[in-house]
Protein backbone atom coordinates (compact mmCIF):
# COMPACT_ATOMS: atom_id res chain seq x y z
CA UNK A 1 25.64 1.75 18.16
CA UNK A 2 27.29 4.85 16.99
CA UNK A 3 25.11 6.44 13.82
CA UNK A 4 27.51 8.00 11.51
CA UNK A 5 26.69 10.40 8.56
CA UNK A 6 28.71 9.64 5.26
CA UNK A 7 28.35 12.00 2.35
CA UNK A 8 27.18 10.38 -0.86
CA UNK A 9 30.16 11.86 -2.72
CA UNK A 10 32.40 9.46 -0.04
CA UNK A 11 29.97 6.47 -0.65
CA UNK A 12 30.44 6.81 -4.59
CA UNK A 13 34.05 7.02 -3.99
CA UNK A 14 34.11 3.94 -1.70
CA UNK A 15 32.11 2.17 -4.50
CA UNK A 16 34.19 3.13 -7.38
CA UNK A 17 37.17 1.65 -5.72
CA UNK A 18 35.70 -1.77 -5.47
CA UNK A 19 36.31 -4.52 -8.25
CA UNK A 20 33.66 -5.26 -10.81
CA UNK A 21 32.36 -8.10 -9.15
CA UNK A 22 31.87 -6.34 -5.70
CA UNK A 23 30.17 -3.34 -7.51
CA UNK A 24 27.83 -5.96 -9.07
CA UNK A 25 27.38 -7.58 -5.49
CA UNK A 26 26.55 -4.46 -3.91
CA UNK A 27 24.01 -3.28 -6.79
CA UNK A 28 22.31 -6.51 -6.56
CA UNK A 29 21.84 -5.87 -2.78
CA UNK A 30 20.60 -2.49 -3.21
CA UNK A 31 17.86 -3.57 -5.64
CA UNK A 32 16.93 -6.28 -3.56
CA UNK A 33 16.37 -3.92 -0.80
CA UNK A 34 14.32 -1.49 -2.80
CA UNK A 35 12.18 -4.17 -3.93
CA UNK A 36 11.59 -5.57 -0.60
CA UNK A 37 10.44 -2.26 0.54
CA UNK A 38 8.19 -1.52 -2.28
CA UNK A 39 6.35 -4.98 -1.69
CA UNK A 40 6.03 -4.02 1.91
CA UNK A 41 4.55 -0.47 1.07
CA UNK A 42 1.89 -2.08 -1.11
CA UNK A 43 0.55 -4.27 1.96
CA UNK A 44 -2.84 -2.98 3.22
CA UNK A 45 -3.23 -2.56 7.05
CA UNK A 46 -6.73 -2.62 8.33
CA UNK A 47 -7.56 -1.18 11.61
CA UNK A 48 -8.62 -3.65 13.98
CA UNK A 49 -11.46 -2.91 16.41
CA UNK A 50 -12.12 -4.57 19.44
CA UNK A 51 -15.34 -6.67 19.42
CA UNK A 52 -16.92 -5.37 22.39
CA UNK A 53 -16.28 -1.77 21.10
CA UNK A 54 -19.44 -0.11 20.09
CA UNK A 55 -19.55 1.88 16.75
CA UNK A 56 -20.82 5.25 17.09
CA UNK A 57 -24.06 6.14 15.50
CA UNK A 58 -22.45 8.68 13.22
CA UNK A 59 -20.21 6.18 11.42
CA UNK A 60 -23.17 4.07 11.32
CA UNK A 61 -24.95 6.82 9.31
CA UNK A 62 -21.66 6.89 6.95
CA UNK A 63 -21.64 3.11 5.95
CA UNK A 64 -25.09 2.06 6.34
CA UNK A 65 -27.47 4.51 4.75
CA UNK A 66 -31.14 3.57 3.87
CA UNK A 67 -31.94 3.12 0.47
CA UNK A 68 -34.58 5.72 -0.97
CA UNK A 69 -38.02 4.25 -1.00
CA UNK A 70 -39.10 4.74 -4.32
CA UNK A 71 -36.18 2.91 -5.66
CA UNK A 72 -36.42 -0.55 -7.75
CA UNK A 73 -33.85 -2.69 -6.81
CA UNK A 74 -34.31 -5.10 -9.81
CA UNK A 75 -34.39 -2.36 -12.21
CA UNK A 76 -31.26 -1.06 -10.88
CA UNK A 77 -29.68 -4.43 -11.11
CA UNK A 78 -30.59 -5.19 -14.56
CA UNK A 79 -29.30 -1.64 -15.42
CA UNK A 80 -26.07 -2.38 -13.69
CA UNK A 81 -25.70 -5.75 -15.74
CA UNK A 82 -26.47 -4.31 -19.21
CA UNK A 83 -23.85 -1.81 -18.33
CA UNK A 84 -21.15 -4.12 -17.75
CA UNK A 85 -22.32 -6.56 -20.73
CA UNK A 86 -20.99 -3.41 -22.89
C-alpha cells in the first residue's frame, strides 16, 4: 500500500469538480466519520489488573485511608442528605 500526500487545495479542487449529489454524499460520509470518531473518543477504558497481582502498600494508602477516630458517621450522613435536599 502506497501512502501519498495531497494538498488540501488539490482535494478542494477535486470536490468542486464533483456533482452536487456526489458532494452531498461525500459531506455526509465525512460527518458520519467525524461522529464515529467522537463516539469512540468518549469511551472510558479502564486498565485491567491481573487477579494474582499484589497491590502495593503505597497504592493501598491512597485509595483506602482510615476515617478519623472522632468522626460521627451518622451526623455526617445527615448533613450530606440535608445539603442534597436543598
